[in-house]
């Protein structure tokens, strides 16, 4: 997450903060989703974003990500990023 924060701060020129997602929010998710990603909160331009970071080399199909996203959006509804293997998959409301 340090790399993402530095990228936004230095390349885009927008100050941001990244912190672990609060347990209150995290506990709203099913266990399989909590374990599938590292969960973080990004504060940028006075908006909060949830980041799900795939920390493994497992491949996620578009269908699997779509299903997971639907499941997540039922419980958490800010803008949402999935950052997997260094390649962003960006999903907006």
N, C-alpha and C. Protein backbone atom coordinates (compact mmCIF):
# COMPACT_ATOMS: atom_id res chain seq x y z
N UNK A 1 0.81 -1.19 0.00
CA UNK A 1 0.00 0.00 0.00
C UNK A 1 0.85 1.26 0.00
N UNK A 2 2.05 1.14 0.49
CA UNK A 2 2.96 2.29 0.46
C UNK A 2 3.20 2.71 -0.99
N UNK A 3 3.36 1.73 -1.87
CA UNK A 3 3.60 2.04 -3.29
C UNK A 3 2.42 2.78 -3.89
N UNK A 4 1.21 2.36 -3.57
CA UNK A 4 0.02 3.03 -4.09
C UNK A 4 -0.05 4.46 -3.57
N UNK A 5 0.18 4.62 -2.27
CA UNK A 5 0.16 5.96 -1.66
C UNK A 5 1.21 6.85 -2.31
N UNK A 6 2.43 6.34 -2.47
CA UNK A 6 3.49 7.12 -3.10
C UNK A 6 3.15 7.46 -4.55
N UNK A 7 2.57 6.52 -5.27
CA UNK A 7 2.19 6.77 -6.66
C UNK A 7 1.20 7.92 -6.74
N UNK A 8 0.17 7.86 -5.91
CA UNK A 8 -0.84 8.92 -5.94
C UNK A 8 -0.23 10.26 -5.52
N UNK A 9 0.55 10.24 -4.44
CA UNK A 9 1.16 11.48 -3.95
C UNK A 9 2.14 12.08 -4.95
N UNK A 10 3.02 11.25 -5.51
CA UNK A 10 4.12 11.76 -6.34
C UNK A 10 3.75 11.89 -7.81
N UNK A 11 3.08 10.91 -8.36
CA UNK A 11 2.80 10.92 -9.80
C UNK A 11 1.58 11.76 -10.13
N UNK A 12 0.52 11.56 -9.37
CA UNK A 12 -0.70 12.31 -9.64
C UNK A 12 -0.67 13.66 -8.94
N UNK A 13 0.07 13.74 -7.83
CA UNK A 13 0.19 15.00 -7.11
C UNK A 13 -0.95 15.28 -6.15
N UNK A 14 -1.63 14.22 -5.72
CA UNK A 14 -2.74 14.37 -4.77
C UNK A 14 -2.32 13.73 -3.45
N UNK A 15 -2.45 14.49 -2.37
CA UNK A 15 -2.13 13.93 -1.05
C UNK A 15 -3.20 12.92 -0.66
N UNK A 16 -2.76 11.78 -0.14
CA UNK A 16 -3.70 10.76 0.31
C UNK A 16 -3.13 10.05 1.52
N UNK A 17 -3.98 9.35 2.22
CA UNK A 17 -3.60 8.52 3.35
C UNK A 17 -4.19 7.13 3.16
N UNK A 18 -3.42 6.11 3.51
CA UNK A 18 -3.89 4.73 3.42
C UNK A 18 -3.78 4.11 4.81
N UNK A 19 -4.84 3.43 5.24
CA UNK A 19 -4.82 2.75 6.54
C UNK A 19 -5.61 1.45 6.43
N UNK A 20 -5.38 0.53 7.36
CA UNK A 20 -6.17 -0.70 7.35
C UNK A 20 -7.66 -0.38 7.49
N UNK A 21 -8.49 -1.15 6.81
CA UNK A 21 -9.93 -0.96 6.91
C UNK A 21 -10.39 -1.30 8.32
N UNK A 22 -11.30 -0.51 8.85
CA UNK A 22 -11.76 -0.73 10.23
C UNK A 22 -12.45 -2.08 10.35
N UNK A 23 -12.31 -2.68 11.51
CA UNK A 23 -12.92 -4.00 11.77
C UNK A 23 -14.43 -3.93 11.67
N UNK A 24 -15.02 -2.79 12.03
CA UNK A 24 -16.48 -2.62 11.90
C UNK A 24 -16.93 -2.84 10.47
N UNK A 25 -16.23 -2.26 9.54
CA UNK A 25 -16.58 -2.40 8.12
C UNK A 25 -16.19 -3.79 7.63
N UNK A 26 -15.01 -4.23 7.98
CA UNK A 26 -14.51 -5.53 7.53
C UNK A 26 -15.42 -6.68 7.97
N UNK A 27 -15.95 -6.59 9.17
CA UNK A 27 -16.81 -7.65 9.69
C UNK A 27 -18.16 -7.74 8.98
N UNK A 28 -18.48 -6.78 8.13
CA UNK A 28 -19.71 -6.83 7.34
C UNK A 28 -19.57 -7.78 6.15
N UNK A 29 -18.33 -8.16 5.83
CA UNK A 29 -18.07 -9.01 4.67
C UNK A 29 -18.06 -10.48 5.04
N UNK A 30 -18.43 -11.35 4.10
CA UNK A 30 -18.31 -12.79 4.35
C UNK A 30 -16.83 -13.16 4.55
N UNK A 31 -16.60 -14.23 5.28
CA UNK A 31 -15.23 -14.65 5.60
C UNK A 31 -14.41 -14.89 4.34
N UNK A 32 -15.01 -15.50 3.30
CA UNK A 32 -14.22 -15.78 2.10
C UNK A 32 -13.70 -14.50 1.46
N UNK A 33 -14.45 -13.41 1.55
CA UNK A 33 -13.96 -12.14 0.99
C UNK A 33 -12.94 -11.49 1.91
N UNK A 34 -13.15 -11.59 3.21
CA UNK A 34 -12.15 -11.04 4.16
C UNK A 34 -10.80 -11.69 3.95
N UNK A 35 -10.82 -12.99 3.66
CA UNK A 35 -9.57 -13.73 3.50
C UNK A 35 -8.98 -13.64 2.09
N UNK A 36 -9.78 -13.27 1.11
CA UNK A 36 -9.31 -13.24 -0.28
C UNK A 36 -8.45 -12.01 -0.57
N UNK A 37 -8.60 -10.95 0.21
CA UNK A 37 -7.92 -9.69 -0.05
C UNK A 37 -7.33 -9.11 1.22
N UNK A 38 -6.38 -8.20 1.04
CA UNK A 38 -5.97 -7.31 2.11
C UNK A 38 -6.87 -6.08 1.98
N UNK A 39 -7.47 -5.62 3.06
CA UNK A 39 -8.46 -4.54 3.00
C UNK A 39 -7.90 -3.26 3.59
N UNK A 40 -8.06 -2.17 2.85
CA UNK A 40 -7.53 -0.87 3.25
C UNK A 40 -8.55 0.22 2.95
N UNK A 41 -8.34 1.36 3.62
CA UNK A 41 -9.13 2.55 3.34
C UNK A 41 -8.20 3.62 2.80
N UNK A 42 -8.59 4.25 1.72
CA UNK A 42 -7.82 5.33 1.12
C UNK A 42 -8.62 6.61 1.29
N UNK A 43 -8.00 7.61 1.90
CA UNK A 43 -8.63 8.92 2.04
C UNK A 43 -7.93 9.86 1.06
N UNK A 44 -8.72 10.36 0.09
CA UNK A 44 -8.16 11.20 -0.96
C UNK A 44 -9.23 12.21 -1.39
N UNK A 45 -8.85 13.47 -1.45
CA UNK A 45 -9.77 14.54 -1.84
C UNK A 45 -11.04 14.53 -0.98
N UNK A 46 -10.85 14.28 0.32
CA UNK A 46 -11.95 14.23 1.30
C UNK A 46 -12.98 13.15 1.00
N UNK A 47 -12.59 12.13 0.24
CA UNK A 47 -13.46 10.99 -0.01
C UNK A 47 -12.76 9.73 0.47
N UNK A 48 -13.55 8.79 0.93
CA UNK A 48 -13.01 7.51 1.36
C UNK A 48 -13.25 6.47 0.27
N UNK A 49 -12.22 5.68 0.03
CA UNK A 49 -12.27 4.60 -0.93
C UNK A 49 -11.89 3.31 -0.21
N UNK A 50 -12.53 2.22 -0.55
CA UNK A 50 -12.14 0.92 -0.03
C UNK A 50 -11.25 0.26 -1.06
N UNK A 51 -10.14 -0.28 -0.60
CA UNK A 51 -9.20 -0.98 -1.47
C UNK A 51 -9.16 -2.44 -1.06
N UNK A 52 -9.37 -3.30 -2.02
CA UNK A 52 -9.19 -4.74 -1.80
C UNK A 52 -7.95 -5.13 -2.59
N UNK A 53 -6.93 -5.54 -1.89
CA UNK A 53 -5.65 -5.85 -2.52
C UNK A 53 -5.44 -7.36 -2.53
N UNK A 54 -5.32 -7.93 -3.73
CA UNK A 54 -5.08 -9.37 -3.85
C UNK A 54 -3.62 -9.63 -3.52
N UNK A 55 -3.39 -10.28 -2.39
CA UNK A 55 -2.03 -10.49 -1.91
C UNK A 55 -1.41 -11.80 -2.38
N UNK A 56 -2.17 -12.58 -3.14
CA UNK A 56 -1.67 -13.87 -3.63
C UNK A 56 -1.51 -13.81 -5.14
N UNK A 57 -0.94 -14.87 -5.69
CA UNK A 57 -0.79 -14.97 -7.14
C UNK A 57 -1.99 -15.64 -7.79
N UNK A 58 -3.04 -15.91 -7.02
CA UNK A 58 -4.22 -16.55 -7.59
C UNK A 58 -4.83 -15.64 -8.66
N UNK A 59 -5.25 -16.25 -9.74
CA UNK A 59 -5.91 -15.50 -10.81
C UNK A 59 -7.38 -15.34 -10.46
N UNK A 60 -7.93 -14.20 -10.70
CA UNK A 60 -9.35 -13.96 -10.53
C UNK A 60 -9.94 -13.75 -11.92
N UNK A 61 -10.98 -14.50 -12.25
CA UNK A 61 -11.65 -14.30 -13.52
C UNK A 61 -12.55 -13.07 -13.41
N UNK A 62 -12.92 -12.53 -14.54
CA UNK A 62 -13.84 -11.38 -14.54
C UNK A 62 -15.16 -11.79 -13.88
N UNK A 63 -15.62 -13.00 -14.16
CA UNK A 63 -16.88 -13.46 -13.57
C UNK A 63 -16.76 -13.54 -12.04
N UNK A 64 -15.63 -14.05 -11.55
CA UNK A 64 -15.44 -14.15 -10.10
C UNK A 64 -15.38 -12.76 -9.46
N UNK A 65 -14.67 -11.85 -10.10
CA UNK A 65 -14.58 -10.48 -9.56
C UNK A 65 -15.95 -9.82 -9.58
N UNK A 66 -16.73 -10.04 -10.64
CA UNK A 66 -18.07 -9.47 -10.74
C UNK A 66 -18.96 -9.98 -9.61
N UNK A 67 -18.90 -11.27 -9.33
CA UNK A 67 -19.68 -11.86 -8.24
C UNK A 67 -19.23 -11.31 -6.89
N UNK A 68 -17.91 -11.24 -6.70
CA UNK A 68 -17.39 -10.72 -5.44
C UNK A 68 -17.78 -9.25 -5.26
N UNK A 69 -17.69 -8.47 -6.33
CA UNK A 69 -18.04 -7.06 -6.26
C UNK A 69 -19.51 -6.88 -5.88
N UNK A 70 -20.39 -7.66 -6.48
CA UNK A 70 -21.81 -7.58 -6.13
C UNK A 70 -22.01 -7.89 -4.65
N UNK A 71 -21.31 -8.89 -4.16
CA UNK A 71 -21.40 -9.26 -2.75
C UNK A 71 -20.88 -8.15 -1.85
N UNK A 72 -19.80 -7.51 -2.26
CA UNK A 72 -19.21 -6.42 -1.47
C UNK A 72 -20.13 -5.20 -1.48
N UNK A 73 -20.66 -4.86 -2.66
CA UNK A 73 -21.50 -3.66 -2.77
C UNK A 73 -22.79 -3.76 -1.96
N UNK A 74 -23.23 -4.98 -1.67
CA UNK A 74 -24.40 -5.14 -0.80
C UNK A 74 -24.10 -4.67 0.62
N UNK A 75 -22.83 -4.69 0.99
CA UNK A 75 -22.44 -4.41 2.37
C UNK A 75 -21.66 -3.10 2.54
N UNK A 76 -20.85 -2.77 1.55
CA UNK A 76 -19.99 -1.59 1.61
C UNK A 76 -20.21 -0.82 0.32
N UNK A 77 -20.48 0.47 0.42
CA UNK A 77 -20.80 1.16 -0.82
C UNK A 77 -20.10 2.50 -1.02
N UNK A 78 -18.82 2.63 -0.71
CA UNK A 78 -18.08 3.77 -1.26
C UNK A 78 -17.49 3.34 -2.61
N UNK A 79 -16.77 4.23 -3.27
CA UNK A 79 -16.06 3.81 -4.46
C UNK A 79 -15.11 2.69 -4.08
N UNK A 80 -14.75 1.84 -5.02
CA UNK A 80 -14.08 0.59 -4.68
C UNK A 80 -12.99 0.28 -5.70
N UNK A 81 -11.82 -0.08 -5.22
CA UNK A 81 -10.70 -0.49 -6.07
C UNK A 81 -10.38 -1.96 -5.79
N UNK A 82 -10.01 -2.68 -6.82
CA UNK A 82 -9.35 -3.96 -6.63
C UNK A 82 -7.98 -3.81 -7.27
N UNK A 83 -6.93 -4.02 -6.51
CA UNK A 83 -5.57 -3.87 -7.01
C UNK A 83 -4.94 -5.24 -6.97
N UNK A 84 -4.74 -5.84 -8.13
CA UNK A 84 -4.28 -7.21 -8.15
C UNK A 84 -3.01 -7.37 -8.98
N UNK A 85 -2.00 -7.96 -8.40
CA UNK A 85 -0.74 -8.26 -9.07
C UNK A 85 -0.16 -7.04 -9.80
N UNK A 86 -0.26 -5.90 -9.16
CA UNK A 86 0.32 -4.70 -9.73
C UNK A 86 -0.50 -4.06 -10.85
N UNK A 87 -1.63 -4.69 -11.21
CA UNK A 87 -2.47 -4.16 -12.27
C UNK A 87 -3.80 -3.72 -11.64
N UNK A 88 -4.17 -2.47 -11.76
CA UNK A 88 -5.42 -2.04 -11.14
C UNK A 88 -6.64 -2.49 -11.95
N UNK A 89 -7.63 -2.94 -11.23
CA UNK A 89 -8.95 -3.11 -11.80
C UNK A 89 -9.79 -2.11 -11.02
N UNK A 90 -10.23 -1.06 -11.64
CA UNK A 90 -10.88 0.03 -10.92
C UNK A 90 -12.38 -0.05 -11.17
N UNK A 91 -13.13 -0.05 -10.11
CA UNK A 91 -14.57 -0.16 -10.21
C UNK A 91 -15.18 1.03 -9.49
N UNK A 92 -16.08 1.74 -10.14
CA UNK A 92 -16.75 2.88 -9.53
C UNK A 92 -18.22 2.54 -9.36
N UNK A 93 -18.86 3.25 -8.42
CA UNK A 93 -20.32 3.13 -8.27
C UNK A 93 -20.98 3.65 -9.51
